[in-house]
């Protein structure tokens, strides 16, 4: 009779499957970590987007140039930086400034109807310089300010401001200052706007017979174009002009 005790086999059901538990636990940790990382990235992206929108709304807005009306100063596809603080603290647009403005009531009589959702999405993209500006936004050069008499043209074909001929060195090569004659006095609080590529620009001249007479209210100016931000080969400040240095304001003093 075999009296030697035989080893008993352990109950397999009670033995912990350490390998599978460890694998399950270790597989959950990376997934949780990945989820947290994604959430952090999304939150950071949202914060950055809000900051950029606020900065663009109140300080410096990228603006995509959609047409050739300001050539050669600005070219189609340029991204310019619009200084929205330029006229916030008592300063006003000066002759020679290149500005972005809302042309509603002067260049455009009524805003076109748009789908609200589409308009919002386009507005956000435009405010970041990723889409063309709204149909009511324009970029032109200030040629006359309130009280100025602007006449076209003198015997040499130059525009006169308050009796002073203006040598506009920024004009598109080969362009005449204007092929349409005009003689206007700019009302106080308004601006006379013209593109640098005069033969390719619809500006104040084209709206003389409409309500507002093509004169843009100063409070419709969004900001001053101070820099070209793209493409990199054109990166830098907008060239200054001394074309209006000798122009006097109507009372005979220098403007």
Protein backbone atom coordinates (compact mmCIF):
# COMPACT_ATOMS: atom_id res chain seq x y z
CA UNK A 1 0.00 0.00 0.00
CA UNK A 2 1.41 3.26 -1.07
CA UNK A 3 1.26 5.54 1.98
CA UNK A 4 3.29 8.41 0.49
CA UNK A 5 1.18 11.52 0.09
CA UNK A 6 0.76 12.65 -3.45
CA UNK A 7 0.98 16.27 -4.23
CA UNK A 8 -2.45 17.70 -4.85
CA UNK A 9 -3.11 19.88 -7.87
CA UNK A 10 -4.09 23.45 -6.98
CA UNK A 11 -7.47 24.69 -8.03
CA UNK A 12 -6.80 26.51 -11.25
CA UNK A 13 -9.93 28.66 -10.85
CA UNK A 14 -8.60 30.29 -7.67
CA UNK A 15 -5.19 31.16 -9.06
CA UNK A 16 -4.88 34.79 -10.16
CA UNK A 17 -3.99 35.25 -13.80
CA UNK A 18 -1.34 37.81 -13.07
CA UNK A 19 -0.18 38.12 -16.63
CA UNK A 20 -3.59 39.03 -18.04
CA UNK A 21 -4.35 41.53 -15.22
CA UNK A 22 -1.07 43.28 -15.69
CA UNK A 23 -1.62 43.46 -19.40
CA UNK A 24 -5.13 44.88 -18.92
CA UNK A 25 -3.93 47.49 -16.42
CA UNK A 26 -0.97 48.50 -18.54
CA UNK A 27 -3.17 48.84 -21.64
CA UNK A 28 -5.59 51.20 -19.83
CA UNK A 29 -2.85 53.58 -18.62
CA UNK A 30 -1.61 54.66 -22.11
CA UNK A 31 -5.19 55.10 -23.31
CA UNK A 32 -6.00 57.38 -20.38
CA UNK A 33 -2.77 59.28 -20.89
CA UNK A 34 -3.50 59.73 -24.59
CA UNK A 35 -7.00 61.01 -23.82
CA UNK A 36 -5.67 63.53 -21.31
CA UNK A 37 -3.01 64.70 -23.76
CA UNK A 38 -5.63 65.17 -26.48
CA UNK A 39 -7.83 67.18 -24.13
CA UNK A 40 -4.91 69.38 -23.08
CA UNK A 41 -4.01 70.00 -26.73
CA UNK A 42 -7.62 70.84 -27.59
CA UNK A 43 -7.89 73.24 -24.64
CA UNK A 44 -4.59 74.91 -25.55
CA UNK A 45 -5.71 75.22 -29.18
CA UNK A 46 -9.00 76.82 -28.10
CA UNK A 47 -7.21 79.31 -25.85
CA UNK A 48 -4.80 80.23 -28.66
CA UNK A 49 -7.67 80.66 -31.13
CA UNK A 50 -9.57 82.95 -28.75
CA UNK A 51 -6.41 84.99 -28.10
CA UNK A 52 -5.74 85.37 -31.83
CA UNK A 53 -9.33 86.43 -32.50
CA UNK A 54 -9.26 89.02 -29.71
CA UNK A 55 -5.85 90.30 -30.84
CA UNK A 56 -7.10 90.50 -34.43
CA UNK A 57 -10.31 92.25 -33.38
CA UNK A 58 -8.74 94.97 -31.26
CA UNK A 59 -5.03 95.30 -32.08
CA UNK A 60 -3.59 93.92 -35.31
CA UNK A 61 -5.57 92.19 -38.04
CA UNK A 62 -4.18 90.26 -41.00
CA UNK A 63 -5.93 91.30 -44.20
CA UNK A 64 -5.77 89.42 -47.52
CA UNK A 65 -5.48 91.71 -50.55
CA UNK A 66 -8.14 90.45 -52.99
CA UNK A 67 -7.58 92.70 -56.03
CA UNK A 68 -5.02 94.72 -57.94
CA UNK A 69 -6.51 98.14 -57.15
CA UNK A 70 -3.52 99.08 -54.94
CA UNK A 71 -0.72 97.81 -57.18
CA UNK A 72 2.19 98.13 -57.08
CA UNK A 73 2.11 99.11 -53.41
CA UNK A 74 0.03 96.04 -52.57
CA UNK A 75 -0.35 92.97 -54.77
CA UNK A 76 -3.04 90.34 -55.08
CA UNK A 77 -2.48 87.69 -52.40
CA UNK A 78 -0.43 89.91 -50.08
CA UNK A 79 -1.24 89.56 -46.39
CA UNK A 80 -0.99 92.95 -44.76
CA UNK A 81 -1.19 93.80 -41.07
CA UNK A 82 -3.81 96.39 -40.20
CA UNK A 83 -3.02 98.51 -37.15
CA UNK A 84 -6.37 98.94 -35.37
CA UNK A 85 -4.87 101.16 -32.67
CA UNK A 86 -3.63 103.77 -35.15
CA UNK A 87 -6.75 105.93 -34.81
CA UNK A 88 -8.02 104.85 -31.40
CA UNK A 89 -6.54 107.56 -29.19
CA UNK A 90 -7.42 110.85 -30.87
CA UNK A 91 -5.42 110.39 -34.07
CA UNK A 92 -7.24 110.60 -37.41
CA UNK A 93 -6.37 109.34 -40.90
CA UNK A 94 -3.91 111.55 -42.77
CA UNK A 95 -3.41 112.16 -46.47
CA UNK A 96 -1.28 109.38 -47.89
CA UNK A 97 -2.33 106.75 -45.32
CA UNK A 98 -3.32 103.37 -46.72
CA UNK A 99 -6.35 102.21 -44.78
CA UNK A 100 -8.88 99.39 -44.60
CA UNK A 101 -12.46 100.56 -44.19
CA UNK A 102 -16.06 99.43 -44.23
CA UNK A 103 -17.56 100.85 -47.41
CA UNK A 104 -21.19 100.42 -46.39
CA UNK A 105 -23.05 103.62 -47.27
CA UNK A 106 -20.24 104.98 -49.44
CA UNK A 107 -18.82 102.29 -51.74
CA UNK A 108 -21.63 99.78 -51.11
CA UNK A 109 -25.13 101.03 -50.41
CA UNK A 110 -26.43 97.88 -48.70
CA UNK A 111 -24.76 94.87 -47.15
CA UNK A 112 -25.43 91.68 -49.14
CA UNK A 113 -27.59 89.08 -47.41
CA UNK A 114 -25.65 86.09 -46.12
CA UNK A 115 -26.33 82.88 -44.28
CA UNK A 116 -25.52 83.70 -40.62
CA UNK A 117 -23.48 80.53 -40.06
CA UNK A 118 -21.55 80.95 -43.30
CA UNK A 119 -21.00 84.64 -42.58
CA UNK A 120 -19.64 83.86 -39.10
CA UNK A 121 -17.25 81.20 -40.40
CA UNK A 122 -16.07 83.47 -43.20
CA UNK A 123 -15.66 86.38 -40.78
CA UNK A 124 -13.44 84.32 -38.49
CA UNK A 125 -11.30 83.11 -41.40
CA UNK A 126 -11.04 86.63 -42.84
CA UNK A 127 -10.05 88.09 -39.47
CA UNK A 128 -7.09 85.68 -39.43
CA UNK A 129 -6.11 86.50 -43.02
CA UNK A 130 -7.12 83.04 -44.24
CA UNK A 131 -9.95 84.17 -46.52
CA UNK A 132 -10.82 87.17 -48.65
CA UNK A 133 -12.32 90.07 -46.70
CA UNK A 134 -16.03 90.80 -46.60
CA UNK A 135 -17.50 92.35 -49.74
CA UNK A 136 -17.97 95.60 -47.84
CA UNK A 137 -14.31 95.92 -46.77
CA UNK A 138 -11.90 97.87 -48.97
CA UNK A 139 -8.28 99.01 -48.92
CA UNK A 140 -7.44 102.40 -50.47
CA UNK A 141 -5.22 105.44 -49.98
CA UNK A 142 -6.47 108.63 -48.31
CA UNK A 143 -6.11 111.47 -50.81
CA UNK A 144 -8.39 114.06 -49.21
CA UNK A 145 -9.52 114.69 -45.62
CA UNK A 146 -12.33 116.86 -44.23
CA UNK A 147 -12.27 120.40 -45.67
CA UNK A 148 -9.90 119.55 -48.56
CA UNK A 149 -10.64 120.53 -52.12
CA UNK A 150 -9.48 117.74 -54.44
CA UNK A 151 -9.34 118.49 -58.18
CA UNK A 152 -8.36 116.52 -61.24
CA UNK A 153 -6.37 117.55 -62.96
CA UNK A 154 -3.78 120.29 -63.53
CA UNK A 155 -2.06 120.97 -66.88
CA UNK A 156 0.42 118.16 -66.22
CA UNK A 157 -2.34 115.71 -65.34
CA UNK A 158 -1.69 115.73 -61.59
CA UNK A 159 -4.29 115.67 -58.83
CA UNK A 160 -4.41 118.91 -56.84
CA UNK A 161 -5.24 119.12 -53.15
CA UNK A 162 -6.04 122.63 -51.88
CA UNK A 163 -4.43 124.09 -54.98
CA UNK A 164 -1.20 122.11 -54.59
CA UNK A 165 -0.25 119.56 -57.31
CA UNK A 166 0.60 116.17 -55.83
CA UNK A 167 3.42 114.09 -57.31
CA UNK A 168 2.13 110.61 -56.51
CA UNK A 169 5.23 108.46 -56.80
CA UNK A 170 3.32 105.39 -55.57
CA UNK A 171 1.05 105.21 -58.65
CA UNK A 172 1.13 102.08 -60.78
CA UNK A 173 3.68 102.56 -63.53
CA UNK A 174 2.08 103.99 -66.66
CA UNK A 175 -1.15 105.01 -64.91
CA UNK A 176 -2.55 108.52 -65.15
CA UNK A 177 -3.60 110.05 -61.80
CA UNK A 178 -7.17 109.95 -63.12
CA UNK A 179 -8.88 109.77 -66.48
CA UNK A 180 -12.08 111.14 -64.99
CA UNK A 181 -12.25 114.83 -64.12
CA UNK A 182 -13.62 115.88 -60.74
CA UNK A 183 -13.67 118.86 -58.43
CA UNK A 184 -14.95 118.11 -54.93
CA UNK A 185 -14.76 119.44 -51.40
CA UNK A 186 -14.53 116.73 -48.74
CA UNK A 187 -17.07 117.24 -45.92
CA UNK A 188 -15.79 117.30 -42.35
CA UNK A 189 -15.51 113.83 -40.85
CA UNK A 190 -15.16 112.15 -44.24
CA UNK A 191 -12.37 110.96 -46.53
CA UNK A 192 -11.71 110.90 -50.27
CA UNK A 193 -10.21 107.51 -51.18
CA UNK A 194 -8.34 106.39 -54.29
CA UNK A 195 -6.47 103.26 -55.30
CA UNK A 196 -2.83 103.38 -56.41
CA UNK A 197 -3.64 101.49 -59.62
CA UNK A 198 -6.02 104.18 -60.82
CA UNK A 199 -7.10 102.46 -64.04
CA UNK A 200 -7.95 99.30 -62.08
CA UNK A 201 -9.59 100.83 -59.03
CA UNK A 202 -13.22 101.53 -58.23
CA UNK A 203 -12.94 104.23 -55.60
CA UNK A 204 -14.46 107.55 -54.54
CA UNK A 205 -14.51 108.75 -58.15
CA UNK A 206 -16.95 106.02 -59.14
CA UNK A 207 -19.50 106.83 -56.44
CA UNK A 208 -19.82 110.61 -56.80
CA UNK A 209 -23.44 110.44 -57.94
CA UNK A 210 -24.53 107.98 -55.26
CA UNK A 211 -25.73 108.57 -51.68
CA UNK A 212 -22.68 109.56 -49.66
CA UNK A 213 -20.92 110.81 -52.80
CA UNK A 214 -18.12 108.27 -52.42
CA UNK A 215 -16.92 109.98 -49.25
CA UNK A 216 -16.03 107.52 -46.49
CA UNK A 217 -16.93 108.45 -42.88
CA UNK A 218 -13.87 108.50 -40.64
CA UNK A 219 -15.60 106.20 -38.15
CA UNK A 220 -15.85 103.54 -40.86
CA UNK A 221 -12.07 103.19 -41.01
CA UNK A 222 -11.02 99.83 -39.55
CA UNK A 223 -7.31 100.57 -39.33
CA UNK A 224 -4.12 101.64 -41.07
CA UNK A 225 -2.02 99.29 -43.17
CA UNK A 226 1.45 99.49 -41.63
CA UNK A 227 3.17 96.25 -42.69
CA UNK A 228 3.25 93.58 -45.33
CA UNK A 229 3.43 90.23 -43.53
CA UNK A 230 3.38 87.82 -46.49
CA UNK A 231 4.97 86.71 -48.75
CA UNK A 232 8.32 86.64 -47.01
CA UNK A 233 10.05 88.28 -49.96
CA UNK A 234 7.91 91.39 -49.41
CA UNK A 235 7.99 91.34 -45.61
CA UNK A 236 8.41 94.80 -44.10
CA UNK A 237 6.77 98.15 -43.36
CA UNK A 238 4.70 99.91 -45.99
CA UNK A 239 6.78 102.59 -47.74
CA UNK A 240 6.19 106.12 -46.51
CA UNK A 241 5.17 108.83 -48.94
CA UNK A 242 6.04 112.50 -48.87
CA UNK A 243 3.60 113.31 -51.69
CA UNK A 244 1.36 115.43 -49.48
CA UNK A 245 4.02 117.21 -47.42
CA UNK A 246 3.50 120.53 -49.16
CA UNK A 247 -0.30 120.48 -49.07
CA UNK A 248 -1.89 123.20 -46.97
CA UNK A 249 -5.21 122.91 -45.17
CA UNK A 250 -7.92 125.35 -46.35
CA UNK A 251 -6.98 128.09 -43.87
CA UNK A 252 -3.54 128.34 -45.51
CA UNK A 253 -1.43 126.49 -42.95
CA UNK A 254 0.41 123.27 -43.65
CA UNK A 255 -1.58 120.07 -43.10
